[in-house]
């Protein structure tokens, strides 16, 4: 009798359909990591604030703590699977990226690096991390910014990377860190508008050659989705509720509605949340093509441990590295953002 039950059990197991294997989500992260500086003196930049003996009291121990904290954030955003691509803002050089990717727990993820030294006076750059088994760069360049009215004024380059995602489709990525609001939002706005015009020109060139190009623009824009540099110069608009009117050659801001709702943002200023950090895509990525954005997957990563009490305006705020000149052992004054892609295997 027992033998009969065992035979019946085996037959039932064989009849149960096996679940189809699920592919890893292709997650892209963008994160302003707030002054990720090493402790080495770069004679070509003004990095004295983050040297041993400098006014910040920066040390090798604090630097390693910062690396560990950023590693924790990137790992947590990935959940069970690490992000395929990570765009980083406010990093000093390639050396800090090498330390970051070789530092546990990121070491196990085998991230590769795309980085160019920018002419920024403080030596602040942008960079891209990627997993080589999920994204294969085939071209990259640093798009230099020269202000016509002040050629001596330096800012961060725009990082452009063209690559193949999941051995399937070409993806054009732009990582940005627009000029700061130092001196006031209105007074500094023309600089951000100019950088946006350079970026828009590059996007137009891609779309003229390939109207269905898959374009992802991300970074810290130091402007909100409703500001002129983003809404008028870059012409990145809100995603329409009617998907039938999405145009392949238009740009759409995945975080427009998040900013307008104002419940959460990537940055908190004077008690108000806003989206300085954004991801913007070409219309083709909003259609159900070989490569497309997973609907409603664009989010701010606001884990409770990334936040601390806002003693001035109540509520919560990002737990940053420094509060004034006091080391706070936090993560960044910005929260990271992410989006998931659906990438079907090519035939």
Protein backbone atom coordinates (compact mmCIF):
# COMPACT_ATOMS: atom_id res chain seq x y z
CA UNK A 1 0.00 0.00 0.00
CA UNK A 2 2.82 2.40 0.88
CA UNK A 3 4.44 1.67 -2.46
CA UNK A 4 1.18 2.61 -4.20
CA UNK A 5 1.10 5.97 -2.41
CA UNK A 6 4.69 6.72 -3.37
CA UNK A 7 3.95 5.97 -7.06
CA UNK A 8 0.87 8.21 -6.91
CA UNK A 9 2.92 11.01 -5.27
CA UNK A 10 5.58 10.85 -7.98
CA UNK A 11 2.99 10.94 -10.75
CA UNK A 12 1.30 13.98 -9.20
CA UNK A 13 4.63 15.81 -8.93
CA UNK A 14 5.33 15.13 -12.60
CA UNK A 15 1.95 16.55 -13.57
CA UNK A 16 2.42 19.83 -11.70
CA UNK A 17 3.71 22.44 -14.19
CA UNK A 18 7.06 23.87 -13.29
CA UNK A 19 7.33 27.64 -12.87
CA UNK A 20 9.14 29.33 -15.69
CA UNK A 21 12.50 30.80 -14.70
CA UNK A 22 12.29 34.52 -14.03
CA UNK A 23 14.93 36.87 -15.39
CA UNK A 24 16.61 39.30 -13.02
CA UNK A 25 15.01 42.73 -12.92
CA UNK A 26 17.15 45.26 -14.79
CA UNK A 27 17.25 48.01 -12.21
CA UNK A 28 18.94 51.37 -12.80
CA UNK A 29 19.87 53.58 -9.86
CA UNK A 30 20.87 57.23 -9.67
CA UNK A 31 22.43 58.59 -6.49
CA UNK A 32 24.09 61.83 -5.44
CA UNK A 33 26.40 60.48 -2.75
CA UNK A 34 27.32 63.89 -1.25
CA UNK A 35 31.02 64.61 -1.50
CA UNK A 36 32.58 61.18 -1.84
CA UNK A 37 36.18 62.40 -1.54
CA UNK A 38 39.27 60.37 -0.77
CA UNK A 39 41.99 61.68 1.57
CA UNK A 40 44.63 62.23 -1.12
CA UNK A 41 45.61 65.73 -2.19
CA UNK A 42 44.89 66.50 -5.85
CA UNK A 43 47.07 69.48 -6.79
CA UNK A 44 44.81 70.29 -9.77
CA UNK A 45 41.62 70.78 -7.74
CA UNK A 46 40.46 72.55 -4.61
CA UNK A 47 39.93 69.48 -2.44
CA UNK A 48 41.51 70.86 0.76
CA UNK A 49 38.19 70.65 2.62
CA UNK A 50 38.36 66.84 2.47
CA UNK A 51 42.01 66.26 3.34
CA UNK A 52 43.43 65.04 6.60
CA UNK A 53 43.92 68.14 8.71
CA UNK A 54 41.35 70.06 6.68
CA UNK A 55 38.42 71.94 8.21
CA UNK A 56 36.12 68.92 7.87
CA UNK A 57 38.41 66.74 9.94
CA UNK A 58 38.29 64.16 7.15
CA UNK A 59 40.18 60.96 7.95
CA UNK A 60 40.86 57.56 6.42
CA UNK A 61 38.43 56.03 8.94
CA UNK A 62 35.64 58.44 7.99
CA UNK A 63 36.34 57.82 4.31
CA UNK A 64 35.99 54.07 4.81
CA UNK A 65 32.79 54.62 6.78
CA UNK A 66 31.44 56.67 3.89
CA UNK A 67 32.32 53.90 1.41
CA UNK A 68 30.64 51.32 3.62
CA UNK A 69 27.49 53.44 3.94
CA UNK A 70 27.17 53.99 0.19
CA UNK A 71 27.76 50.28 -0.43
CA UNK A 72 24.95 49.48 2.00
CA UNK A 73 22.55 51.77 0.15
CA UNK A 74 23.30 50.36 -3.31
CA UNK A 75 23.03 46.80 -2.02
CA UNK A 76 19.71 47.51 -0.29
CA UNK A 77 18.19 49.10 -3.42
CA UNK A 78 18.90 45.94 -5.37
CA UNK A 79 17.18 43.70 -2.87
CA UNK A 80 17.91 40.11 -3.88
CA UNK A 81 19.65 41.23 -7.06
CA UNK A 82 22.17 44.09 -7.38
CA UNK A 83 21.26 47.01 -9.65
CA UNK A 84 22.48 46.48 -13.21
CA UNK A 85 23.54 50.12 -13.59
CA UNK A 86 24.32 52.82 -11.01
CA UNK A 87 24.80 56.46 -11.97
CA UNK A 88 26.68 58.42 -9.30
CA UNK A 89 26.99 62.16 -8.73
CA UNK A 90 29.40 64.11 -6.52
CA UNK A 91 32.31 61.68 -6.58
CA UNK A 92 35.85 63.02 -6.61
CA UNK A 93 37.65 60.71 -9.04
CA UNK A 94 38.05 57.22 -10.39
CA UNK A 95 39.99 56.21 -7.31
CA UNK A 96 36.93 56.53 -5.04
CA UNK A 97 34.91 54.43 -7.50
CA UNK A 98 37.58 51.75 -7.46
CA UNK A 99 37.56 51.75 -3.66
CA UNK A 100 33.76 51.60 -3.67
CA UNK A 101 33.52 48.67 -6.06
CA UNK A 102 36.27 46.72 -4.32
CA UNK A 103 34.80 47.36 -0.89
CA UNK A 104 32.52 44.73 0.70
CA UNK A 105 29.70 44.15 -0.01
CA UNK A 106 29.93 45.68 -3.51
CA UNK A 107 33.04 43.64 -4.29
CA UNK A 108 30.88 40.55 -4.79
CA UNK A 109 28.86 42.32 -7.52
CA UNK A 110 31.87 42.86 -9.84
CA UNK A 111 30.90 46.34 -10.96
CA UNK A 112 32.86 47.93 -13.80
CA UNK A 113 33.44 51.68 -14.10
CA UNK A 114 32.95 54.41 -16.69
CA UNK A 115 34.48 57.70 -15.59
CA UNK A 116 36.22 60.79 -16.96
CA UNK A 117 37.94 63.53 -14.98
CA UNK A 118 35.95 66.75 -15.26
CA UNK A 119 37.30 70.32 -15.08
CA UNK A 120 35.14 71.17 -12.04
CA UNK A 121 37.08 73.41 -9.66
CA UNK A 122 36.47 71.15 -6.66
CA UNK A 123 37.16 68.02 -8.71
CA UNK A 124 33.56 66.80 -8.44
CA UNK A 125 32.63 64.29 -11.17
CA UNK A 126 29.91 61.89 -12.23
CA UNK A 127 30.43 58.21 -12.93
CA UNK A 128 28.70 55.02 -13.97
CA UNK A 129 28.91 51.54 -12.46
CA UNK A 130 27.63 48.55 -14.41
CA UNK A 131 27.59 44.77 -14.30
CA UNK A 132 29.37 43.58 -17.42
CA UNK A 133 27.17 40.49 -17.80
CA UNK A 134 24.09 42.73 -18.01
CA UNK A 135 25.33 45.87 -19.76
CA UNK A 136 28.08 46.15 -22.35
CA UNK A 137 29.32 49.68 -23.15
CA UNK A 138 30.32 50.16 -26.78
CA UNK A 139 31.04 53.90 -26.66
CA UNK A 140 31.44 56.59 -24.01
CA UNK A 141 32.50 60.20 -23.84
CA UNK A 142 32.60 63.21 -21.54
CA UNK A 143 30.58 66.08 -22.98
CA UNK A 144 32.42 69.20 -21.90
CA UNK A 145 30.55 72.36 -20.91
CA UNK A 146 31.96 75.75 -21.94
CA UNK A 147 29.80 78.73 -21.02
CA UNK A 148 29.82 81.25 -23.91
CA UNK A 149 29.62 84.26 -21.58
CA UNK A 150 32.29 82.96 -19.20
CA UNK A 151 34.63 80.34 -20.74
CA UNK A 152 36.73 80.27 -17.56
CA UNK A 153 33.77 79.08 -15.47
CA UNK A 154 34.07 75.31 -14.99
CA UNK A 155 31.44 72.71 -14.19
CA UNK A 156 30.92 68.97 -14.40
CA UNK A 157 30.95 67.19 -17.75
CA UNK A 158 27.92 65.23 -18.93
CA UNK A 159 28.79 61.54 -19.10
CA UNK A 160 27.40 59.76 -22.16
CA UNK A 161 27.49 55.96 -22.40
CA UNK A 162 26.08 53.88 -25.24
CA UNK A 163 25.74 50.18 -24.56
CA UNK A 164 23.81 46.96 -25.02
CA UNK A 165 21.53 45.88 -22.18
CA UNK A 166 21.07 42.16 -21.47
CA UNK A 167 22.59 41.28 -24.86
CA UNK A 168 19.40 42.60 -26.38
CA UNK A 169 18.89 46.30 -27.07
CA UNK A 170 20.94 49.48 -27.28
CA UNK A 171 20.57 51.97 -24.45
CA UNK A 172 21.85 55.57 -24.50
CA UNK A 173 22.61 56.86 -21.00
CA UNK A 174 23.41 60.40 -19.89
CA UNK A 175 24.61 61.03 -16.32
CA UNK A 176 24.36 64.68 -15.25
CA UNK A 177 25.16 66.96 -12.37
CA UNK A 178 23.96 70.42 -13.37
CA UNK A 179 25.53 73.57 -11.86
CA UNK A 180 24.55 74.26 -8.26
CA UNK A 181 22.18 76.90 -6.95
CA UNK A 182 25.03 78.67 -5.16
CA UNK A 183 24.32 82.40 -5.25
CA UNK A 184 20.57 81.83 -5.53
CA UNK A 185 18.27 79.76 -7.74
CA UNK A 186 17.40 82.59 -10.13
CA UNK A 187 20.92 84.02 -10.39
CA UNK A 188 22.40 80.61 -11.19
CA UNK A 189 19.54 79.43 -13.43
CA UNK A 190 21.12 80.56 -16.75
CA UNK A 191 24.01 78.14 -16.19
CA UNK A 192 21.65 75.19 -15.78
CA UNK A 193 19.61 76.30 -18.79
CA UNK A 194 22.77 76.35 -20.88
CA UNK A 195 23.83 72.85 -19.78
CA UNK A 196 20.31 71.64 -20.56
CA UNK A 197 20.63 73.11 -24.07
CA UNK A 198 23.88 71.18 -24.63
CA UNK A 199 22.18 67.99 -23.46
CA UNK A 200 19.12 68.63 -25.63
CA UNK A 201 21.32 69.14 -28.69
CA UNK A 202 22.97 65.75 -28.09
CA UNK A 203 19.57 64.09 -27.64
CA UNK A 204 18.26 65.67 -30.85
CA UNK A 205 21.29 64.33 -32.74
CA UNK A 206 20.54 60.81 -31.53
CA UNK A 207 16.84 61.04 -32.35
CA UNK A 208 17.53 62.48 -35.79
CA UNK A 209 19.68 59.45 -36.59
CA UNK A 210 17.35 56.98 -34.84
CA UNK A 211 13.83 58.26 -33.94
CA UNK A 212 13.21 55.18 -31.76
CA UNK A 213 16.44 55.45 -29.77
CA UNK A 214 16.21 54.24 -26.17
CA UNK A 215 17.45 57.22 -24.16
CA UNK A 216 17.80 57.45 -20.38
CA UNK A 217 18.84 60.76 -18.83
CA UNK A 218 19.54 60.80 -15.12
CA UNK A 219 21.30 62.80 -12.46
CA UNK A 220 21.13 65.66 -10.01
CA UNK A 221 19.80 68.59 -12.07
CA UNK A 222 19.77 71.13 -9.23
CA UNK A 223 16.42 72.12 -10.72
CA UNK A 224 12.97 70.64 -10.33
CA UNK A 225 10.89 69.06 -13.13
CA UNK A 226 8.85 72.25 -13.41
CA UNK A 227 11.87 74.60 -13.72
CA UNK A 228 12.84 76.12 -17.08
CA UNK A 229 15.99 74.06 -17.66
CA UNK A 230 14.01 70.80 -17.48
CA UNK A 231 10.50 71.68 -18.68
CA UNK A 232 11.37 74.24 -21.38
CA UNK A 233 14.98 73.80 -22.53
CA UNK A 234 15.26 70.03 -22.19
CA UNK A 235 11.52 69.79 -22.93
CA UNK A 236 10.96 66.87 -20.55
CA UNK A 237 7.26 66.59 -19.80
CA UNK A 238 5.01 64.58 -17.52
CA UNK A 239 3.94 61.14 -18.74
CA UNK A 240 0.41 61.54 -20.17
CA UNK A 241 -2.39 59.40 -18.79
CA UNK A 242 -3.30 58.41 -22.34
CA UNK A 243 -0.47 56.18 -23.54
CA UNK A 244 -1.67 56.53 -27.13
CA UNK A 245 -0.32 60.08 -27.35
CA UNK A 246 3.21 59.21 -26.21
CA UNK A 247 5.66 60.28 -28.92
CA UNK A 248 8.86 58.28 -29.46
CA UNK A 249 10.91 61.42 -30.08
CA UNK A 250 9.69 63.30 -26.99
CA UNK A 251 11.24 63.20 -23.53
CA UNK A 252 9.23 62.23 -20.46
CA UNK A 253 10.13 62.85 -16.83
CA UNK A 254 9.51 59.75 -14.72
CA UNK A 255 9.50 61.83 -11.52
CA UNK A 256 7.36 64.79 -12.59
CA UNK A 257 4.29 63.64 -10.68
CA UNK A 258 6.38 62.66 -7.64
CA UNK A 259 7.65 66.22 -7.43
CA UNK A 260 4.22 67.80 -7.93
CA UNK A 261 2.66 65.60 -5.23
CA UNK A 262 5.43 66.69 -2.83
CA UNK A 263 4.92 63.85 -0.34
CA UNK A 264 8.49 62.64 -0.80
CA UNK A 265 11.42 63.77 -2.90
CA UNK A 266 15.10 63.13 -3.35
CA UNK A 267 16.10 66.30 -1.48
CA UNK A 268 14.60 68.41 1.29
CA UNK A 269 15.07 72.18 1.33
CA UNK A 270 13.52 74.52 3.89
CA UNK A 271 11.15 71.78 5.00
CA UNK A 272 9.89 70.99 1.48
CA UNK A 273 10.59 67.78 -0.42
CA UNK A 274 11.45 68.11 -4.11
CA UNK A 275 12.91 66.11 -6.97
CA UNK A 276 16.33 67.56 -7.79
CA UNK A 277 17.29 64.04 -8.86
CA UNK A 278 15.36 62.72 -11.83
CA UNK A 279 15.22 60.16 -14.60
CA UNK A 280 14.00 61.22 -18.02
CA UNK A 281 13.38 58.86 -20.94
CA UNK A 282 12.58 58.97 -24.63
CA UNK A 283 9.02 58.00 -25.53
CA UNK A 284 10.08 54.72 -27.11
CA UNK A 285 10.95 53.37 -23.64
CA UNK A 286 7.34 53.87 -22.52
CA UNK A 287 5.99 51.49 -25.15
CA UNK A 288 5.95 47.71 -24.72
CA UNK A 289 8.98 47.13 -26.93
CA UNK A 290 11.98 44.84 -26.57
CA UNK A 291 13.25 47.31 -23.96
CA UNK A 292 10.79 49.36 -21.94
CA UNK A 293 10.22 50.92 -18.53
CA UNK A 294 8.23 48.77 -16.12
CA UNK A 295 5.11 50.89 -15.43
CA UNK A 296 5.09 52.71 -12.07
CA UNK A 297 8.54 51.36 -11.15
CA UNK A 298 10.25 54.75 -10.83
CA UNK A 299 10.66 55.40 -7.12
CA UNK A 300 12.59 57.29 -4.49
CA UNK A 301 14.40 54.87 -2.19
CA UNK A 302 13.40 56.25 1.22
CA UNK A 303 14.19 53.40 3.61
CA UNK A 304 13.67 54.44 7.22
CA UNK A 305 17.35 53.99 8.07
CA UNK A 306 18.28 56.56 5.40
CA UNK A 307 16.31 59.23 7.23
CA UNK A 308 16.64 61.18 10.46
CA UNK A 309 14.52 63.67 12.39
CA UNK A 310 14.20 67.13 10.86
CA UNK A 311 14.52 69.26 13.97
CA UNK A 312 13.89 72.55 12.17
CA UNK A 313 10.87 71.71 10.02
CA UNK A 314 9.59 68.50 11.65
CA UNK A 315 9.13 65.21 9.83
CA UNK A 316 12.11 63.40 8.36
CA UNK A 317 15.10 64.39 6.22
CA UNK A 318 17.99 62.49 4.60
CA UNK A 319 20.67 61.40 7.05
CA UNK A 320 23.69 63.19 5.62
CA UNK A 321 27.43 62.75 6.13
CA UNK A 322 27.93 66.09 7.88
CA UNK A 323 25.69 68.50 9.73
CA UNK A 324 27.59 71.74 9.42
CA UNK A 325 31.13 70.76 10.30
CA UNK A 326 30.12 67.89 12.55
CA UNK A 327 30.52 64.37 11.19
CA UNK A 328 27.05 62.81 11.28
CA UNK A 329 27.95 59.29 10.06
CA UNK A 330 25.04 59.41 7.61
CA UNK A 331 24.73 58.56 3.95
CA UNK A 332 23.98 61.62 1.81
CA UNK A 333 21.89 64.77 1.74
CA UNK A 334 20.09 63.22 -1.25
CA UNK A 335 17.99 60.07 -1.47
CA UNK A 336 18.65 57.68 -4.36
CA UNK A 337 16.13 57.03 -7.11
CA UNK A 338 15.63 53.97 -9.31
CA UNK A 339 13.61 52.51 -12.16
CA UNK A 340 13.15 48.98 -13.53
CA UNK A 341 13.43 47.97 -17.16
CA UNK A 342 11.77 45.07 -18.91
CA UNK A 343 14.23 43.73 -21.47
CA UNK A 344 13.05 40.87 -23.66
CA UNK A 345 15.62 38.57 -25.23
CA UNK A 346 16.31 39.41 -28.87
CA UNK A 347 15.40 36.80 -31.45
